[in-house]
Each structure stands twice: as C-alpha cells, then as structure tokens.
Amino acid sequence: MAVAPMRTVLLIDDESDVRNVLGELLRHYGWQVFHAEDGDEGVRLAKTHLPDVVLCDLLMPRGNGLQVCRALRQIEALRRTKIAIISGRDFDSDRHQALEAGADDYLVKPVDPARLKSLMSAWAPPGQSSERAFSRPEPAGSTALRLRFWGVRGSIPTPGPTTVEYGGNTSCLEVRVGSQIIILDAGTGLRLLGRQLLAEFGEAPLDLTLLLTHTHWDHIQGLPFFLPLYKRQHQLRILGYEGARNGLASVLSSQMESPFFPVPLASAPGNIRIEELRELNFNLGSVRVQGCFAYHPGLCVGYRLSTASGSIAFFPDNELRHEGEGRTDMAATEVEFARKENQKLVEFLCGTDVLVMDTQYDLQEYQQHIGWGHGCVDEVVALALRAGVKQLFLFHHDPDHDDAKITQMTNHARELVAAKNGSLKVEAAREGATIDVPSSLQETEPQPGGRLPT
C-alpha cells in the first residue's frame, strides 16, 4: 500500500512571526508547508508547487491578498486549490471582497488553532485526511518493475477481425514500480486500463501519474473515458509539455468541451492536476524520469524510466534522422548533423532494458514517408543494437497493418538482429502483454484470447 503524497499548503504573509507560528501548527497537523513573504513570490511558488491550500494575508507588499487570489484563480492547474484570506481586520466588506476575488474562506488574526485545524481537515484532498491512496499492494520496499500494454496502435483505433492478435487501441502503457502506478500516454487503451484499475482496487483511492509524450489525438483521446476521473476519491496527476500555444490544460480540456463531449474536464469529480513540465529530468517517487525530444511534428518527447530493478524507454512517435545512405540530395553538413542527432539518441538509450519505439513502416513503405515523423523498423533495430538495448518492442502499428503484416515485420527484425549476431530480443507490442523487468525479460501471456478485459 502506498501512502498518498503529503498534502501541501502555501503560507503567504509578510510577517515572519505569523509565518512561523502558523507554519508550526500546520506541520503539526500533517501538512507540508511552503512560505512566501509577499504576493509576487506567493504567486510564483503557487505555480511551482501547486499546493492543495493557500493561506494568504490580505495586506502585503508586491501584491495584496485580493490580487493574489484573482491571479491564482486564473491558473487552470490551481482551479481546485482552496484559498483562505487571513487578516487582522474583521470588516464585513473585507470578507465580502475576499470571497468575490475567489477566496473560499476568511480568517481573522490571531487565527484560532481549533478553527484552523477544522478548516484544514475539511480541505484535505480526498484520500489524504484519514485514508491512504492505493496504487498496488506490494511488500514494503518492493521495487519490482512491470510493464503492461493497453494500446499499441498509431493514428486511429482499428478494431476488427484482422487486428485481434496485436490489438487496435491507440497508445497507452501501464508501468508499475512496486506500489507506484505510472501511465504512459492516454490513447484509447486508457479506457480499458481505467476499468481494470477500478475492478482491481474497488473503492480504494488511487494515486496515479500520467506522462504524456505529446498531445496528438491518438495519445489523449482515451482521457474522457478514463473511469477514475469520475470518482472523487482518486488522484490523477497529468504531466506533459505544452505542445500548443494555449497550454497543456487547455488542450486536454478542449476535447471534452461542448459540442465534442458532454462532460467538461473541469466538472469531473476526480482530483485532477495538470502540470506543464519545464525540465527534462525529474523524479516520480523512486523512479528517475529522463526526457528526450523526439523527431516528430510538434513538441514531442520520449521518456526513459529508471529504477533499481531496471529501465524502460518509450518513444511512441519518432523518426530517426536519415544519415544519407543512397541519397545524393544531402549536403555533408546535413549528414553530419543527422549522425550527431542519432548518436545523442544512442547515448540516451544506452543499456536500456526495454525499449518501446515507433516502427510504423517497413523499409519499402518508409521511402514514401520520409519526413513524416515515424520510424522504419530496419533503422530502429540498428539503433537498438548500437545502444545495447536488451529488448525491443515494435510499436505504433500502422492502422493499415493487419496481424499478419506485424508478424512479418517482427520476423524481419529478428533476422536483422541475427545477421549482426546480436543478442537483442524483438517482439511486437501486443495489447494485454505484461513484461517483468528484468526477470530475464520474459513476456508473460495476456488473458485468454490474447485480449484485454472489456
């Protein structure tokens, strides 16, 4: 059982004595406390830490409490944050203005500890006041690394009799590291994952992290159908890069706006936190996450997740740079640049236990799709061999490729490895397949019939 992340509060007050007294009380009540001594710093820290609660003084330099409150209410990622204005003035007009500015409550100094404790208990995020948030029951200290495919197709879902073996849902992977659950992309496979999680954990609160590689439709279209969104006890933290001029939150919300979807994202009862990433390297609990920009239209990244048990790299949409073989239209500088870019990727992937990478085209198809931002199986196999990858999963299966075609491409990839006397294991990603890392990197069988529960 995993303990939910500590609930957080941002305390904004220009008086250090007030910050110290309230901070000590809040820590005693079980909160992690961040401090700011003026309004501008408070807004900046709120954007950085995305606290569950903000306690803000009314009269401060560089942004009074009303200005801070209005500024925070303009930030999509803070729309569920509770805000209380604190003041030494007990005027009805001040209280009314605070509520109009977007505050949820108004406290008068000196703050009554019992009143503060009651308020903070009521505002504690669901699942954190008296319950623990579940990811998966595991022995204490477990770092077992497991990967499961829920969606493996690119561009558009392709259900039907010719895609039964490998699956027709779009991009979605589940990674479990001990008690932690990380989801990679939110294609249509996310719907099945959501149903499975609720069946597995019942009413226990879930604490989930969703990492998005980019916001093309086949990587986010499952989000509106993810059942944990509609249960108040669940926490979903969505991380990704901006990818659009209006920001990540706007992109994810827009596909659920009328007339496209009946339930707006902002109305979903689940506790959803959307955060735009600024750094390529960061930690998610015990997992070290590294990002690398992919060669694909728009802002797109691949991730490498490293743990004590092993590593997984995920590049669902990526085209390797063409290094000029057989081409006369590339200048020497272009060739050198392409080689350097590919070498960066080799170094990023060096020694990865499991690589899941875009191999949408065979060599003949790729000649007609150079520059589209998708991979060629021959080139990806060569890359994996250079990087010393232990196991490669062909991914982002073309919507026009049936099961027979994918099997043919897999066999061809294995022949390429054999021709180089390589030890690289090659499989095609298949819905329902579960891989334990390292555990000799043996793929476990999916549920009967090779399909996921529906």
Protein backbone atom coordinates (compact mmCIF):
# COMPACT_ATOMS: atom_id res chain seq x y z
CA MET A 1 0.00 0.00 0.00
CA ALA A 2 1.42 3.40 -0.96
CA VAL A 3 0.96 6.45 1.23
CA ALA A 4 -0.55 9.38 -0.65
CA PRO A 5 1.76 12.33 -1.28
CA MET A 6 1.85 14.72 1.71
CA ARG A 7 -0.83 17.39 1.47
CA THR A 8 0.68 20.82 0.81
CA VAL A 9 -0.13 24.36 1.92
CA LEU A 10 1.37 27.65 0.79
CA LEU A 11 1.51 30.30 3.51
CA ILE A 12 1.84 33.87 2.16
CA ASP A 13 2.42 36.59 4.76
CA ASP A 14 4.91 39.46 5.06
CA GLU A 15 5.20 38.97 8.84
CA SER A 16 7.77 36.27 9.67
CA ASP A 17 6.31 35.73 13.16
CA VAL A 18 2.91 34.87 11.65
CA ARG A 19 4.52 32.53 9.13
CA ASN A 20 6.50 30.77 11.85
CA VAL A 21 3.55 30.27 14.21
CA LEU A 22 1.10 29.13 11.55
CA GLY A 23 3.75 27.03 9.82
CA GLU A 24 4.48 25.13 13.03
CA LEU A 25 0.77 24.47 13.58
CA LEU A 26 0.25 23.28 10.01
CA ARG A 27 3.21 20.92 10.13
CA HIS A 28 1.86 19.53 13.40
CA TYR A 29 -1.44 18.86 11.59
CA GLY A 30 0.44 16.84 8.95
CA TRP A 31 0.89 19.39 6.16
CA GLN A 32 3.97 20.21 4.13
CA VAL A 33 4.37 24.00 4.29
CA PHE A 34 5.81 26.41 1.73
CA HIS A 35 6.43 30.05 2.69
CA ALA A 36 6.28 33.33 0.75
CA GLU A 37 6.76 36.82 2.17
CA ASP A 38 4.94 38.84 -0.49
CA GLY A 39 2.25 38.46 -3.13
CA ASP A 40 4.51 38.13 -6.17
CA GLU A 41 6.59 35.41 -4.53
CA GLY A 42 3.40 33.69 -3.44
CA VAL A 43 2.02 33.50 -6.98
CA ARG A 44 5.35 32.22 -8.27
CA LEU A 45 5.56 29.48 -5.62
CA ALA A 46 1.93 28.52 -6.20
CA LYS A 47 2.69 27.94 -9.88
CA THR A 48 5.72 25.86 -8.94
CA HIS A 49 4.33 23.71 -6.12
CA LEU A 50 0.59 23.63 -6.98
CA PRO A 51 -0.43 23.47 -3.30
CA ASP A 52 -3.67 21.94 -2.09
CA VAL A 53 -4.37 25.01 0.09
CA VAL A 54 -3.21 28.65 0.06
CA LEU A 55 -3.40 30.81 3.21
CA CYS A 56 -2.79 34.39 2.17
CA ASP A 57 -2.52 37.64 4.16
CA LEU A 58 -4.81 40.42 3.00
CA LEU A 59 -2.40 43.37 3.28
CA MET A 60 1.06 42.72 1.85
CA PRO A 61 3.62 44.42 -0.36
CA ARG A 62 4.04 43.41 -4.02
CA GLY A 63 0.55 42.02 -4.37
CA ASN A 64 -2.17 42.17 -1.74
CA GLY A 65 -4.32 39.19 -0.86
CA LEU A 66 -7.12 40.09 -3.27
CA GLN A 67 -4.67 40.44 -6.17
CA VAL A 68 -3.04 37.12 -5.30
CA CYS A 69 -6.42 35.43 -5.08
CA ARG A 70 -7.51 36.71 -8.50
CA ALA A 71 -4.16 35.71 -10.03
CA LEU A 72 -4.38 32.16 -8.68
CA ARG A 73 -7.94 31.74 -9.92
CA GLN A 74 -6.70 32.44 -13.46
CA ILE A 75 -4.36 29.41 -13.34
CA GLU A 76 -6.04 26.25 -14.65
CA ALA A 77 -3.86 23.88 -12.63
CA LEU A 78 -4.93 25.63 -9.40
CA ARG A 79 -8.65 25.61 -10.01
CA ARG A 80 -9.23 23.06 -7.21
CA THR A 81 -6.86 24.74 -4.75
CA LYS A 82 -8.59 26.05 -1.62
CA ILE A 83 -7.76 29.65 -0.66
CA ALA A 84 -8.30 31.41 2.65
CA ILE A 85 -7.60 35.13 3.14
CA ILE A 86 -6.12 35.94 6.56
CA SER A 87 -6.41 39.45 8.01
CA GLY A 88 -6.18 41.39 11.25
CA ARG A 89 -9.33 43.29 10.11
CA ASP A 90 -12.78 41.90 10.84
CA PHE A 91 -14.84 44.02 8.44
CA ASP A 92 -17.77 42.51 6.57
CA SER A 93 -16.72 44.49 3.49
CA ASP A 94 -13.23 42.88 3.54
CA ARG A 95 -14.75 39.43 3.89
CA HIS A 96 -17.14 40.09 1.02
CA GLN A 97 -14.33 41.36 -1.24
CA ALA A 98 -12.20 38.32 -0.45
CA LEU A 99 -14.98 35.93 -1.44
CA GLU A 100 -15.64 37.94 -4.61
CA ALA A 101 -11.95 37.67 -5.53
CA GLY A 102 -12.20 33.88 -5.37
CA ALA A 103 -11.33 33.03 -1.76
CA ASP A 104 -13.10 30.09 -0.13
CA ASP A 105 -12.91 31.45 3.41
CA TYR A 106 -11.76 34.41 5.52
CA LEU A 107 -9.83 34.05 8.81
CA VAL A 108 -9.18 36.78 11.35
CA LYS A 109 -5.84 37.16 13.15
CA PRO A 110 -4.84 35.91 15.58
CA VAL A 111 -6.02 32.70 13.96
CA ASP A 112 -7.77 30.30 16.33
CA PRO A 113 -5.84 26.96 16.17
CA ALA A 114 -9.03 24.90 16.54
CA ARG A 115 -10.69 26.85 13.70
CA LEU A 116 -7.60 26.37 11.53
CA LYS A 117 -7.41 22.65 12.25
CA SER A 118 -11.09 22.17 11.42
CA LEU A 119 -10.77 24.10 8.17
CA MET A 120 -7.63 22.26 7.04
CA SER A 121 -9.18 18.89 7.84
CA ALA A 122 -12.19 19.78 5.72
CA TRP A 123 -9.92 20.92 2.89
CA ALA A 124 -7.55 17.96 2.93
CA PRO A 125 -7.56 16.29 -0.52
CA PRO A 126 -9.82 13.22 -0.63
CA GLY A 127 -7.95 10.09 0.42
CA GLN A 128 -5.37 12.07 2.41
CA SER A 129 -7.20 13.12 5.57
CA SER A 130 -7.80 9.67 7.03
CA GLU A 131 -7.19 7.22 4.20
CA ARG A 132 -4.23 6.13 2.20
CA ALA A 133 -4.13 6.21 -1.57
CA PHE A 134 -3.60 2.90 -3.29
CA SER A 135 -1.50 2.11 -6.29
CA ARG A 136 -0.94 -1.61 -5.76
CA PRO A 137 -0.45 -3.85 -2.72
CA GLU A 138 3.21 -4.79 -2.61
CA PRO A 139 5.64 -5.87 0.10
CA ALA A 140 7.28 -2.95 1.89
CA GLY A 141 10.24 -1.67 -0.05
CA SER A 142 9.33 -3.55 -3.23
CA THR A 143 10.83 -2.10 -6.42
CA ALA A 144 9.51 -4.69 -8.88
CA LEU A 145 9.19 -3.15 -12.36
CA ARG A 146 6.34 -4.29 -14.58
CA LEU A 147 5.11 -3.02 -17.94
CA ARG A 148 1.72 -3.74 -19.50
CA PHE A 149 0.45 -2.74 -22.93
CA TRP A 150 -3.09 -1.34 -23.12
CA GLY A 151 -2.89 0.35 -26.53
CA VAL A 152 -0.30 -0.26 -29.26
CA ARG A 153 -1.78 1.22 -32.45
CA GLY A 154 -0.90 4.53 -34.08
CA SER A 155 -3.05 7.31 -35.57
CA ILE A 156 -6.53 5.84 -35.12
CA PRO A 157 -8.15 2.84 -33.38
CA THR A 158 -8.52 -0.18 -35.66
CA PRO A 159 -10.89 -2.75 -34.15
CA GLY A 160 -11.82 -5.76 -36.23
CA PRO A 161 -11.01 -9.38 -37.06
CA THR A 162 -7.64 -8.54 -38.67
CA THR A 163 -6.21 -6.83 -35.56
CA VAL A 164 -7.22 -9.33 -32.87
CA GLU A 165 -3.74 -10.68 -32.15
CA TYR A 166 -1.90 -7.39 -31.55
CA GLY A 167 -4.83 -5.10 -30.78
CA GLY A 168 -6.41 -1.98 -32.21
CA ASN A 169 -6.36 0.58 -29.37
CA THR A 170 -4.11 3.62 -29.54
CA SER A 171 -1.11 4.40 -27.37
CA CYS A 172 -1.28 3.56 -23.63
CA LEU A 173 1.14 1.72 -21.34
CA GLU A 174 0.98 0.99 -17.63
CA VAL A 175 4.18 0.89 -15.58
CA ARG A 176 4.16 -0.39 -12.01
CA VAL A 177 7.16 0.15 -9.77
CA GLY A 178 6.42 -1.57 -6.51
CA SER A 179 3.32 0.26 -5.27
CA GLN A 180 3.54 3.12 -7.78
CA ILE A 181 1.49 3.34 -10.99
CA ILE A 182 2.68 5.45 -13.91
CA ILE A 183 0.69 5.64 -17.15
CA LEU A 184 2.39 6.46 -20.44
CA ASP A 185 0.05 8.23 -22.88
CA ALA A 186 -3.74 8.38 -22.89
CA GLY A 187 -4.86 6.80 -26.14
CA THR A 188 -7.99 4.64 -26.31
CA GLY A 189 -6.26 1.87 -24.37
CA LEU A 190 -6.67 4.10 -21.30
CA ARG A 191 -10.37 3.24 -21.15
CA LEU A 192 -9.62 -0.43 -20.54
CA LEU A 193 -6.91 0.40 -18.03
CA GLY A 194 -9.36 2.53 -16.05
CA ARG A 195 -11.90 -0.28 -15.89
CA GLN A 196 -9.24 -2.75 -14.80
CA LEU A 197 -7.97 -0.45 -12.02
CA LEU A 198 -11.44 0.00 -10.56
CA ALA A 199 -12.07 -3.73 -10.73
CA GLU A 200 -8.75 -4.44 -9.02
CA PHE A 201 -8.90 -1.85 -6.22
CA GLY A 202 -12.63 -1.43 -5.72
CA GLU A 203 -13.45 1.79 -3.87
CA ALA A 204 -9.93 2.29 -2.51
CA PRO A 205 -8.49 5.67 -3.55
CA LEU A 206 -5.96 5.60 -6.39
CA ASP A 207 -2.94 7.87 -6.77
CA LEU A 208 -1.97 7.85 -10.46
CA THR A 209 0.53 9.71 -12.64
CA LEU A 210 0.00 10.13 -16.38
CA LEU A 211 3.01 11.06 -18.51
CA LEU A 212 2.12 12.40 -21.97
CA THR A 213 4.64 12.27 -24.79
CA HIS A 214 2.60 14.81 -26.80
CA THR A 215 -0.96 15.85 -27.44
CA HIS A 216 -1.73 14.42 -30.86
CA TRP A 217 -5.19 12.96 -30.73
CA ASP A 218 -4.22 9.28 -30.68
CA HIS A 219 -2.30 9.95 -27.44
CA ILE A 220 -5.03 11.77 -25.49
CA GLN A 221 -8.37 10.56 -26.89
CA GLY A 222 -8.87 7.97 -24.15
CA LEU A 223 -8.83 10.53 -21.32
CA PRO A 224 -12.57 11.38 -21.42
CA PHE A 225 -13.36 7.66 -20.97
CA PHE A 226 -10.97 7.02 -18.05
CA LEU A 227 -13.32 5.99 -15.23
CA PRO A 228 -11.12 7.17 -12.29
CA LEU A 229 -11.80 10.73 -13.49
CA TYR A 230 -15.36 10.34 -12.32
CA LYS A 231 -14.67 9.13 -8.76
CA ARG A 232 -13.97 11.75 -6.10
CA GLN A 233 -11.53 9.63 -4.12
CA HIS A 234 -8.99 9.28 -6.93
CA GLN A 235 -5.96 11.46 -7.66
CA LEU A 236 -4.66 11.87 -11.23
CA ARG A 237 -1.57 13.93 -11.89
CA ILE A 238 -1.06 14.65 -15.61
CA LEU A 239 2.42 15.70 -16.73
CA GLY A 240 3.46 16.82 -20.18
CA TYR A 241 5.00 19.58 -22.22
CA GLU A 242 2.98 22.44 -23.59
CA GLY A 243 2.58 21.33 -27.17
CA ALA A 244 0.12 24.11 -28.04
CA ARG A 245 0.01 27.87 -27.74
CA ASN A 246 -2.80 27.75 -25.18
CA GLY A 247 -1.10 25.30 -22.83
CA LEU A 248 -1.50 21.68 -21.81
CA ALA A 249 -4.58 22.16 -19.64
CA SER A 250 -6.37 23.94 -22.49
CA VAL A 251 -5.55 21.16 -24.96
CA LEU A 252 -6.82 18.41 -22.66
CA SER A 253 -9.93 20.38 -21.70
CA SER A 254 -10.86 21.34 -25.24
CA GLN A 255 -11.54 17.78 -26.41
CA MET A 256 -14.10 17.49 -23.60
CA GLU A 257 -15.89 20.75 -24.32
CA SER A 258 -19.31 21.01 -25.94
CA PRO A 259 -20.13 20.01 -28.65
CA PHE A 260 -17.41 17.33 -28.62
CA PHE A 261 -18.14 15.72 -25.24
CA PRO A 262 -20.97 16.01 -22.70
CA VAL A 263 -18.83 16.27 -19.53
CA PRO A 264 -16.25 19.10 -19.25
CA LEU A 265 -12.93 18.10 -17.73
CA ALA A 266 -13.36 20.78 -15.05
CA SER A 267 -16.60 19.10 -13.94
CA ALA A 268 -15.07 15.65 -13.48
CA PRO A 269 -15.31 14.75 -9.77
CA GLY A 270 -11.86 13.15 -9.61
CA ASN A 271 -8.92 15.18 -8.30
CA ILE A 272 -7.06 16.11 -11.49
CA ARG A 273 -3.85 18.07 -11.50
CA ILE A 274 -2.33 19.13 -14.84
CA GLU A 275 1.29 20.26 -14.79
CA GLU A 276 3.36 21.53 -17.70
CA LEU A 277 6.88 20.21 -17.47
CA ARG A 278 9.82 22.59 -17.77
CA GLU A 279 12.65 20.17 -17.07
CA LEU A 280 13.62 17.06 -18.99
CA ASN A 281 14.89 15.21 -15.93
CA PHE A 282 12.88 14.72 -12.73
CA ASN A 283 11.81 12.11 -10.19
CA LEU A 284 8.46 10.41 -9.67
CA GLY A 285 8.83 8.77 -6.29
CA SER A 286 11.56 6.15 -6.67
CA VAL A 287 11.53 6.45 -10.47
CA ARG A 288 14.09 8.58 -12.26
CA VAL A 289 12.50 10.06 -15.40
CA GLN A 290 14.57 11.44 -18.27
CA GLY A 291 13.05 13.09 -21.31
CA CYS A 292 14.44 13.40 -24.81
CA PHE A 293 12.88 15.39 -27.64
CA ALA A 294 11.69 13.16 -30.46
CA TYR A 295 11.80 13.88 -34.19
CA HIS A 296 8.07 14.22 -34.81
CA PRO A 297 5.79 17.13 -35.77
CA GLY A 298 5.06 19.41 -32.84
CA LEU A 299 6.57 19.24 -29.37
CA CYS A 300 7.05 15.53 -28.68
CA VAL A 301 9.27 13.73 -26.19
CA GLY A 302 10.29 10.21 -25.35
CA TYR A 303 10.85 9.06 -21.79
CA ARG A 304 13.32 6.79 -20.06
CA LEU A 305 12.17 5.47 -16.67
CA SER A 306 14.97 4.12 -14.49
CA THR A 307 14.52 2.17 -11.26
CA ALA A 308 16.56 -0.09 -9.01
CA SER A 309 15.12 -3.05 -10.92
CA GLY A 310 15.69 -1.87 -14.48
CA SER A 311 14.79 0.68 -17.14
CA ILE A 312 12.11 1.25 -19.76
CA ALA A 313 12.28 3.73 -22.63
CA PHE A 314 9.17 4.86 -24.52
CA PHE A 315 9.29 6.60 -27.91
CA PRO A 316 5.85 6.02 -29.46
CA ASP A 317 6.30 8.62 -32.23
CA ASN A 318 9.80 9.16 -33.58
CA GLU A 319 11.70 9.16 -36.85
CA LEU A 320 15.44 8.61 -36.90
CA ARG A 321 17.46 11.16 -38.87
CA HIS A 322 18.44 9.96 -42.31
CA GLU A 323 22.23 9.74 -42.50
CA GLY A 324 22.45 9.99 -46.28
CA GLU A 325 22.92 6.37 -47.42
CA GLY A 326 21.83 6.10 -51.04
CA ARG A 327 20.94 9.79 -51.27
CA THR A 328 22.67 12.47 -53.29
CA ASP A 329 20.49 15.39 -52.19
CA MET A 330 22.03 15.74 -48.72
CA ALA A 331 24.91 18.08 -48.10
CA ALA A 332 27.83 16.91 -45.98
CA THR A 333 26.75 19.25 -43.18
CA GLU A 334 23.26 17.72 -43.18
CA VAL A 335 24.68 14.21 -42.98
CA GLU A 336 26.96 15.15 -40.10
CA PHE A 337 24.09 16.81 -38.24
CA ALA A 338 21.89 13.71 -38.70
CA ARG A 339 24.63 11.44 -37.39
CA LYS A 340 25.13 13.58 -34.31
CA GLU A 341 21.40 13.64 -33.58
CA ASN A 342 21.14 9.86 -33.89
CA GLN A 343 24.20 9.44 -31.68
CA LYS A 344 22.52 11.54 -28.98
CA LEU A 345 19.62 9.10 -29.03
CA VAL A 346 22.00 6.12 -28.88
CA GLU A 347 23.61 7.60 -25.78
CA PHE A 348 20.21 8.36 -24.23
CA LEU A 349 19.08 4.75 -24.71
CA CYS A 350 22.39 3.10 -23.86
CA GLY A 351 21.85 -0.13 -21.94
CA THR A 352 18.06 0.22 -21.67
CA ASP A 353 16.37 -3.00 -20.57
CA VAL A 354 13.16 -2.47 -22.56
CA LEU A 355 12.71 -0.07 -25.47
CA VAL A 356 9.22 0.58 -26.88
CA MET A 357 9.67 2.52 -30.13
CA ASP A 358 7.78 3.67 -33.19
CA THR A 359 8.33 1.20 -36.06
CA GLN A 360 5.31 2.10 -38.15
CA TYR A 361 6.83 1.38 -41.57
CA ASP A 362 8.80 -1.36 -43.24
CA LEU A 363 11.74 -0.26 -45.38
CA GLN A 364 9.76 -0.04 -48.62
CA GLU A 365 6.90 1.93 -47.04
CA TYR A 366 9.32 4.26 -45.35
CA GLN A 367 10.70 5.51 -48.65
CA GLN A 368 7.30 7.08 -49.30
CA HIS A 369 7.04 8.56 -45.80
CA ILE A 370 10.43 10.11 -45.09
CA GLY A 371 9.92 13.22 -43.02
CA TRP A 372 6.53 12.20 -41.64
CA GLY A 373 7.93 11.71 -38.14
CA HIS A 374 7.52 7.93 -37.86
CA GLY A 375 10.00 5.08 -37.67
CA CYS A 376 11.31 2.44 -40.03
CA VAL A 377 11.77 -0.99 -38.48
CA ASP A 378 15.20 -1.54 -40.11
CA GLU A 379 16.58 1.70 -38.72
CA VAL A 380 15.12 1.19 -35.26
CA VAL A 381 16.65 -2.27 -34.98
CA ALA A 382 20.03 -0.83 -35.99
CA LEU A 383 19.65 1.90 -33.36
CA ALA A 384 18.74 -0.58 -30.63
CA LEU A 385 21.77 -2.71 -31.47
CA ARG A 386 24.08 0.32 -31.33
CA ALA A 387 22.63 1.36 -27.97
CA GLY A 388 22.97 -2.08 -26.39
CA VAL A 389 19.23 -2.33 -25.72
CA LYS A 390 18.22 -5.71 -24.29
CA GLN A 391 14.67 -5.98 -25.62
CA LEU A 392 12.84 -4.02 -28.32
CA PHE A 393 9.08 -3.82 -28.75
CA LEU A 394 7.84 -2.67 -32.15
CA PHE A 395 5.16 -0.05 -31.53
CA HIS A 396 2.74 2.44 -33.13
CA HIS A 397 1.45 -0.20 -35.51
CA ASP A 398 0.16 1.33 -38.72
CA PRO A 399 -3.67 1.35 -38.93
CA ASP A 400 -3.41 -0.40 -42.31
CA HIS A 401 -1.20 -3.20 -40.95
CA ASP A 402 -3.07 -6.37 -40.04
CA ASP A 403 -1.80 -9.06 -37.69
CA ALA A 404 -0.04 -10.92 -40.49
CA LYS A 405 1.87 -7.81 -41.53
CA ILE A 406 3.01 -7.07 -37.98
CA THR A 407 4.18 -10.66 -37.54
CA GLN A 408 6.09 -10.38 -40.83
CA MET A 409 7.81 -7.17 -39.67
CA THR A 410 8.69 -8.80 -36.34
CA ASN A 411 10.28 -11.79 -38.05
CA HIS A 412 12.21 -9.46 -40.36
CA ALA A 413 13.51 -7.51 -37.35
CA ARG A 414 14.73 -10.74 -35.75
CA GLU A 415 16.53 -11.65 -38.95
CA LEU A 416 18.30 -8.28 -38.89
CA VAL A 417 19.49 -8.97 -35.34
CA ALA A 418 20.65 -12.47 -36.27
CA ALA A 419 22.61 -11.11 -39.26
CA LYS A 420 24.58 -8.94 -36.80
CA ASN A 421 24.98 -11.79 -34.30
CA GLY A 422 23.19 -9.61 -31.81
CA SER A 423 21.51 -10.63 -28.55
CA LEU A 424 18.67 -8.11 -28.86
CA LYS A 425 15.24 -9.66 -28.28
CA VAL A 426 12.49 -8.35 -30.54
CA GLU A 427 8.73 -8.56 -30.06
CA ALA A 428 5.78 -6.64 -31.43
CA ALA A 429 3.84 -4.77 -28.76
CA ARG A 430 0.58 -6.59 -28.11
CA GLU A 431 -2.38 -5.47 -26.03
CA GLY A 432 -2.56 -7.41 -22.78
CA ALA A 433 1.09 -8.44 -22.76
CA THR A 434 2.83 -7.94 -19.42
CA ILE A 435 6.60 -7.72 -19.08
CA ASP A 436 8.52 -8.05 -15.83
CA VAL A 437 11.87 -6.24 -15.83
CA PRO A 438 14.39 -7.71 -15.71
CA SER A 439 13.17 -11.25 -14.82
CA SER A 440 15.11 -12.47 -17.85
CA LEU A 441 12.81 -10.15 -19.84
CA GLN A 442 10.32 -12.93 -20.41
CA GLU A 443 6.96 -11.78 -21.70
CA THR A 444 4.03 -13.18 -19.74
CA GLU A 445 0.91 -14.29 -21.52
CA PRO A 446 -2.09 -11.94 -21.71
CA GLN A 447 -5.52 -13.00 -20.61
CA PRO A 448 -7.23 -15.80 -22.52
CA GLY A 449 -7.72 -14.98 -26.15
CA GLY A 450 -4.82 -12.52 -26.19
CA ARG A 451 -7.13 -9.62 -25.44
CA LEU A 452 -7.71 -7.20 -22.59
CA PRO A 453 -10.82 -7.21 -20.43
CA THR A 454 -13.55 -5.04 -21.92
